């Protein structure tokens, strides 16, 4: 990347971090979700660091999302989990290394569920929570979606000692939009 690309990426990150701060500060989760959709759609449509291919931006009508569903917002108890190193392929020569460090336990759709939480081992670290569900590979990207990626600012915070997980805010990785990622 050249200097202009690097500063464009910095701008993208600042905007996404700011957006999630705005979302966390809003007492109305549905209104916050609507704002999240609008800002993300605009970033994908017009920002130089958009993961959309340039030829798709002119006809872009918005990122695919499911309708708002209040029952998809839960809080999770976080408990330690046995550490496990995981390498995830990337667009670079080396995989990205994460370590599972905890598990988020919550109730959703009348059932007890859990998802693993990972720590990014690269510089600066960050919490990462990917998931797959029944929509993966059918209605959503086959590799899954993300709920948390704190390196990219995607974090809905805590409610007391419980982690906020809102599946309305699930998003596709960049590679779902452009294979170069």
C-alpha atoms as a PDB file:
ATOM      1  CA  UNK A   1       0.000   0.000   0.000  1.00  0.00           C
ATOM      2  CA  UNK A   2       1.119   3.525  -0.679  1.00  0.00           C
ATOM      3  CA  UNK A   3       0.781   6.400   1.799  1.00  0.00           C
ATOM      4  CA  UNK A   4      -2.603   7.516   0.424  1.00  0.00           C
ATOM      5  CA  UNK A   5      -3.999   3.979   0.769  1.00  0.00           C
ATOM      6  CA  UNK A   6      -2.673   3.757   4.312  1.00  0.00           C
ATOM      7  CA  UNK A   7      -4.345   7.018   5.312  1.00  0.00           C
ATOM      8  CA  UNK A   8      -7.565   5.904   3.615  1.00  0.00           C
ATOM      9  CA  UNK A   9      -7.449   2.733   5.701  1.00  0.00           C
ATOM     10  CA  UNK A  10      -6.849   4.805   8.835  1.00  0.00           C
ATOM     11  CA  UNK A  11      -9.878   6.932   7.945  1.00  0.00           C
ATOM     12  CA  UNK A  12     -12.001   3.791   7.414  1.00  0.00           C
ATOM     13  CA  UNK A  13     -10.960   2.452  10.829  1.00  0.00           C
ATOM     14  CA  UNK A  14     -11.691   5.773  12.549  1.00  0.00           C
ATOM     15  CA  UNK A  15     -15.151   5.892  11.011  1.00  0.00           C
ATOM     16  CA  UNK A  16     -15.982   2.301  11.983  1.00  0.00           C
ATOM     17  CA  UNK A  17     -14.677   2.786  15.531  1.00  0.00           C
ATOM     18  CA  UNK A  18     -16.745   5.973  15.777  1.00  0.00           C
ATOM     19  CA  UNK A  19     -19.806   4.206  14.450  1.00  0.00           C
ATOM     20  CA  UNK A  20     -19.594   1.461  17.079  1.00  0.00           C
ATOM     21  CA  UNK A  21     -19.090   4.078  19.819  1.00  0.00           C
ATOM     22  CA  UNK A  22     -22.263   5.771  18.563  1.00  0.00           C
ATOM     23  CA  UNK A  23     -24.117   2.438  18.531  1.00  0.00           C
ATOM     24  CA  UNK A  24     -23.025   1.594  22.105  1.00  0.00           C
ATOM     25  CA  UNK A  25     -24.151   5.024  23.309  1.00  0.00           C
ATOM     26  CA  UNK A  26     -27.658   4.768  21.836  1.00  0.00           C
ATOM     27  CA  UNK A  27     -30.255   3.479  24.327  1.00  0.00           C
ATOM     28  CA  UNK A  28     -32.449   2.201  21.475  1.00  0.00           C
ATOM     29  CA  UNK A  29     -30.803  -0.885  19.883  1.00  0.00           C
ATOM     30  CA  UNK A  30     -33.067  -0.866  16.822  1.00  0.00           C
ATOM     31  CA  UNK A  31     -32.374   2.791  16.073  1.00  0.00           C
ATOM     32  CA  UNK A  32     -28.651   2.124  16.592  1.00  0.00           C
ATOM     33  CA  UNK A  33     -28.853  -0.820  14.178  1.00  0.00           C
ATOM     34  CA  UNK A  34     -30.542   1.362  11.561  1.00  0.00           C
ATOM     35  CA  UNK A  35     -27.775   3.966  11.923  1.00  0.00           C
ATOM     36  CA  UNK A  36     -25.168   1.176  11.700  1.00  0.00           C
ATOM     37  CA  UNK A  37     -26.722  -0.038   8.440  1.00  0.00           C
ATOM     38  CA  UNK A  38     -26.860   3.465   6.914  1.00  0.00           C
ATOM     39  CA  UNK A  39     -23.261   4.346   7.761  1.00  0.00           C
ATOM     40  CA  UNK A  40     -21.858   0.973   6.676  1.00  0.00           C
ATOM     41  CA  UNK A  41     -23.780   1.129   3.406  1.00  0.00           C
ATOM     42  CA  UNK A  42     -22.370   4.587   2.706  1.00  0.00           C
ATOM     43  CA  UNK A  43     -18.829   3.474   3.558  1.00  0.00           C
ATOM     44  CA  UNK A  44     -19.116   0.467   1.265  1.00  0.00           C
ATOM     45  CA  UNK A  45     -20.636   2.609  -1.495  1.00  0.00           C
ATOM     46  CA  UNK A  46     -18.159   5.477  -1.438  1.00  0.00           C
ATOM     47  CA  UNK A  47     -15.037   4.955   0.678  1.00  0.00           C
ATOM     48  CA  UNK A  48     -11.733   4.211  -1.088  1.00  0.00           C
ATOM     49  CA  UNK A  49     -11.120   1.276   1.290  1.00  0.00           C
ATOM     50  CA  UNK A  50     -14.476  -0.366   0.578  1.00  0.00           C
ATOM     51  CA  UNK A  51     -14.289  -4.124   0.132  1.00  0.00           C
ATOM     52  CA  UNK A  52     -16.725  -3.826  -2.789  1.00  0.00           C
ATOM     53  CA  UNK A  53     -15.275  -4.113  -6.241  1.00  0.00           C
ATOM     54  CA  UNK A  54     -15.338  -0.656  -7.897  1.00  0.00           C
ATOM     55  CA  UNK A  55     -17.735  -1.816 -10.634  1.00  0.00           C
ATOM     56  CA  UNK A  56     -20.271  -2.895  -7.969  1.00  0.00           C
ATOM     57  CA  UNK A  57     -20.289   0.448  -6.147  1.00  0.00           C
ATOM     58  CA  UNK A  58     -22.327   2.345  -8.746  1.00  0.00           C
ATOM     59  CA  UNK A  59     -25.277  -0.053  -8.472  1.00  0.00           C
ATOM     60  CA  UNK A  60     -24.807  -0.893  -4.781  1.00  0.00           C
ATOM     61  CA  UNK A  61     -28.151  -0.811  -2.944  1.00  0.00           C
ATOM     62  CA  UNK A  62     -26.890  -1.834   0.492  1.00  0.00           C
ATOM     63  CA  UNK A  63     -25.290  -4.685   2.368  1.00  0.00           C
ATOM     64  CA  UNK A  64     -27.449  -7.770   2.802  1.00  0.00           C
ATOM     65  CA  UNK A  65     -29.027  -7.884   6.262  1.00  0.00           C
ATOM     66  CA  UNK A  66     -31.970  -9.646   7.800  1.00  0.00           C
ATOM     67  CA  UNK A  67     -34.849  -7.575   9.222  1.00  0.00           C
ATOM     68  CA  UNK A  68     -34.399  -6.296  12.778  1.00  0.00           C
ATOM     69  CA  UNK A  69     -35.316  -8.910  15.390  1.00  0.00           C
ATOM     70  CA  UNK A  70     -35.146  -7.861  19.045  1.00  0.00           C
ATOM     71  CA  UNK A  71     -34.891 -11.514  20.147  1.00  0.00           C
ATOM     72  CA  UNK A  72     -31.454 -11.723  18.496  1.00  0.00           C
ATOM     73  CA  UNK A  73     -29.955  -9.334  21.072  1.00  0.00           C
ATOM     74  CA  UNK A  74     -28.640 -11.272  24.058  1.00  0.00           C
ATOM     75  CA  UNK A  75     -26.095 -10.906  26.809  1.00  0.00           C
ATOM     76  CA  UNK A  76     -23.548 -13.623  27.428  1.00  0.00           C
ATOM     77  CA  UNK A  77     -21.692 -14.835  30.454  1.00  0.00           C
ATOM     78  CA  UNK A  78     -18.009 -15.049  29.597  1.00  0.00           C
ATOM     79  CA  UNK A  79     -15.991 -17.891  31.052  1.00  0.00           C
ATOM     80  CA  UNK A  80     -12.427 -19.030  30.577  1.00  0.00           C
ATOM     81  CA  UNK A  81     -11.876 -21.791  28.023  1.00  0.00           C
ATOM     82  CA  UNK A  82      -8.860 -24.003  27.394  1.00  0.00           C
ATOM     83  CA  UNK A  83      -6.467 -22.075  25.199  1.00  0.00           C
ATOM     84  CA  UNK A  84      -6.261 -23.279  21.630  1.00  0.00           C
ATOM     85  CA  UNK A  85      -4.182 -21.739  18.859  1.00  0.00           C
ATOM     86  CA  UNK A  86      -6.042 -21.319  15.557  1.00  0.00           C
ATOM     87  CA  UNK A  87      -4.603 -20.165  12.241  1.00  0.00           C
ATOM     88  CA  UNK A  88      -6.994 -18.582   9.760  1.00  0.00           C
ATOM     89  CA  UNK A  89      -6.022 -18.131   6.134  1.00  0.00           C
ATOM     90  CA  UNK A  90      -5.661 -14.581   4.909  1.00  0.00           C
ATOM     91  CA  UNK A  91      -5.015 -12.663   1.723  1.00  0.00           C
ATOM     92  CA  UNK A  92      -1.360 -12.401   2.748  1.00  0.00           C
ATOM     93  CA  UNK A  93       1.354 -15.033   2.681  1.00  0.00           C
ATOM     94  CA  UNK A  94       0.885 -15.965   6.338  1.00  0.00           C
ATOM     95  CA  UNK A  95      -2.242 -17.041   8.209  1.00  0.00           C
ATOM     96  CA  UNK A  96      -3.648 -14.855  10.976  1.00  0.00           C
ATOM     97  CA  UNK A  97      -3.065 -16.427  14.392  1.00  0.00           C
ATOM     98  CA  UNK A  98      -5.717 -16.383  17.110  1.00  0.00           C
ATOM     99  CA  UNK A  99      -5.910 -18.035  20.512  1.00  0.00           C
ATOM    100  CA  UNK A 100      -9.216 -19.183  21.934  1.00  0.00           C
ATOM    101  CA  UNK A 101      -9.271 -17.831  25.466  1.00  0.00           C
ATOM    102  CA  UNK A 102     -12.916 -17.770  26.542  1.00  0.00           C
ATOM    103  CA  UNK A 103     -16.416 -18.898  25.753  1.00  0.00           C
ATOM    104  CA  UNK A 104     -19.559 -16.751  25.658  1.00  0.00           C
ATOM    105  CA  UNK A 105     -22.624 -18.602  27.033  1.00  0.00           C
ATOM    106  CA  UNK A 106     -26.123 -17.295  26.339  1.00  0.00           C
ATOM    107  CA  UNK A 107     -29.691 -18.280  25.621  1.00  0.00           C
ATOM    108  CA  UNK A 108     -31.095 -17.794  22.130  1.00  0.00           C
ATOM    109  CA  UNK A 109     -34.336 -19.121  20.657  1.00  0.00           C
ATOM    110  CA  UNK A 110     -35.071 -21.007  23.861  1.00  0.00           C
ATOM    111  CA  UNK A 111     -31.804 -22.953  23.903  1.00  0.00           C
ATOM    112  CA  UNK A 112     -28.518 -22.618  25.747  1.00  0.00           C
ATOM    113  CA  UNK A 113     -25.723 -21.781  23.323  1.00  0.00           C
ATOM    114  CA  UNK A 114     -22.049 -20.910  23.375  1.00  0.00           C
ATOM    115  CA  UNK A 115     -19.497 -19.374  21.059  1.00  0.00           C
ATOM    116  CA  UNK A 116     -15.732 -19.295  21.401  1.00  0.00           C
ATOM    117  CA  UNK A 117     -13.932 -15.987  21.860  1.00  0.00           C
ATOM    118  CA  UNK A 118     -10.512 -15.595  20.280  1.00  0.00           C
ATOM    119  CA  UNK A 119      -7.623 -13.210  20.897  1.00  0.00           C
ATOM    120  CA  UNK A 120      -5.718 -11.917  17.860  1.00  0.00           C
ATOM    121  CA  UNK A 121      -2.053 -12.658  18.460  1.00  0.00           C
ATOM    122  CA  UNK A 122      -0.811  -9.930  16.091  1.00  0.00           C
ATOM    123  CA  UNK A 123       0.397  -6.525  17.189  1.00  0.00           C
ATOM    124  CA  UNK A 124      -2.161  -4.782  19.388  1.00  0.00           C
ATOM    125  CA  UNK A 125      -4.348  -7.875  19.695  1.00  0.00           C
ATOM    126  CA  UNK A 126      -8.113  -7.823  19.800  1.00  0.00           C
ATOM    127  CA  UNK A 127     -11.155  -9.969  20.514  1.00  0.00           C
ATOM    128  CA  UNK A 128     -12.642 -11.886  17.615  1.00  0.00           C
ATOM    129  CA  UNK A 129     -15.951 -13.777  17.549  1.00  0.00           C
ATOM    130  CA  UNK A 130     -16.766 -15.520  14.274  1.00  0.00           C
ATOM    131  CA  UNK A 131     -19.747 -17.829  13.879  1.00  0.00           C
ATOM    132  CA  UNK A 132     -21.582 -19.983  11.394  1.00  0.00           C
ATOM    133  CA  UNK A 133     -25.266 -20.820  11.484  1.00  0.00           C
ATOM    134  CA  UNK A 134     -27.961 -22.418   9.350  1.00  0.00           C
ATOM    135  CA  UNK A 135     -27.783 -19.498   6.886  1.00  0.00           C
ATOM    136  CA  UNK A 136     -24.053 -20.005   6.159  1.00  0.00           C
ATOM    137  CA  UNK A 137     -23.481 -20.968   2.557  1.00  0.00           C
ATOM    138  CA  UNK A 138     -27.148 -20.448   1.702  1.00  0.00           C
ATOM    139  CA  UNK A 139     -28.267 -16.938   2.592  1.00  0.00           C
ATOM    140  CA  UNK A 140     -24.962 -15.678   4.002  1.00  0.00           C
ATOM    141  CA  UNK A 141     -21.270 -16.162   3.276  1.00  0.00           C
ATOM    142  CA  UNK A 142     -20.260 -19.819   3.564  1.00  0.00           C
ATOM    143  CA  UNK A 143     -17.253 -19.100   5.754  1.00  0.00           C
ATOM    144  CA  UNK A 144     -19.452 -17.467   8.378  1.00  0.00           C
ATOM    145  CA  UNK A 145     -19.958 -13.999   9.774  1.00  0.00           C
ATOM    146  CA  UNK A 146     -18.489 -11.923  12.599  1.00  0.00           C
ATOM    147  CA  UNK A 147     -20.084 -10.501  15.727  1.00  0.00           C
ATOM    148  CA  UNK A 148     -16.932  -9.049  17.265  1.00  0.00           C
ATOM    149  CA  UNK A 149     -13.729  -7.924  15.657  1.00  0.00           C
ATOM    150  CA  UNK A 150     -12.272  -5.314  17.983  1.00  0.00           C
ATOM    151  CA  UNK A 151      -9.287  -4.707  15.693  1.00  0.00           C
ATOM    152  CA  UNK A 152     -11.863  -3.260  13.300  1.00  0.00           C
ATOM    153  CA  UNK A 153     -13.844  -1.549  16.066  1.00  0.00           C
ATOM    154  CA  UNK A 154     -16.748  -4.021  15.953  1.00  0.00           C
ATOM    155  CA  UNK A 155     -17.719  -4.286  19.615  1.00  0.00           C
ATOM    156  CA  UNK A 156     -21.089  -3.707  21.300  1.00  0.00           C
ATOM    157  CA  UNK A 157     -19.620  -3.622  24.799  1.00  0.00           C
ATOM    158  CA  UNK A 158     -20.798  -5.035  28.083  1.00  0.00           C
ATOM    159  CA  UNK A 159     -23.976  -4.931  30.130  1.00  0.00           C
ATOM    160  CA  UNK A 160     -22.585  -5.122  33.640  1.00  0.00           C
ATOM    161  CA  UNK A 161     -20.432  -8.246  33.644  1.00  0.00           C
ATOM    162  CA  UNK A 162     -22.139  -9.763  30.570  1.00  0.00           C
ATOM    163  CA  UNK A 163     -21.052  -9.306  26.961  1.00  0.00           C
ATOM    164  CA  UNK A 164     -23.593  -7.856  24.534  1.00  0.00           C
ATOM    165  CA  UNK A 165     -24.071 -10.095  21.507  1.00  0.00           C
ATOM    166  CA  UNK A 166     -26.531  -8.796  18.956  1.00  0.00           C
ATOM    167  CA  UNK A 167     -26.865 -11.024  15.926  1.00  0.00           C
ATOM    168  CA  UNK A 168     -28.640  -8.183  14.090  1.00  0.00           C
ATOM    169  CA  UNK A 169     -25.152  -6.643  13.826  1.00  0.00           C
ATOM    170  CA  UNK A 170     -23.529  -9.747  12.326  1.00  0.00           C
ATOM    171  CA  UNK A 171     -21.429  -8.863   9.304  1.00  0.00           C
ATOM    172  CA  UNK A 172     -19.590 -10.599   6.493  1.00  0.00           C
ATOM    173  CA  UNK A 173     -15.809 -10.593   6.285  1.00  0.00           C
ATOM    174  CA  UNK A 174     -14.310  -8.481   3.519  1.00  0.00           C
ATOM    175  CA  UNK A 175     -13.549 -11.598   1.483  1.00  0.00           C
ATOM    176  CA  UNK A 176     -17.293 -12.175   1.055  1.00  0.00           C
ATOM    177  CA  UNK A 177     -17.344  -9.019  -1.095  1.00  0.00           C
ATOM    178  CA  UNK A 178     -14.014  -9.278  -2.938  1.00  0.00           C
ATOM    179  CA  UNK A 179     -11.756 -12.327  -3.211  1.00  0.00           C
ATOM    180  CA  UNK A 180      -8.601 -10.192  -3.045  1.00  0.00           C
ATOM    181  CA  UNK A 181      -9.267  -9.801   0.684  1.00  0.00           C
END
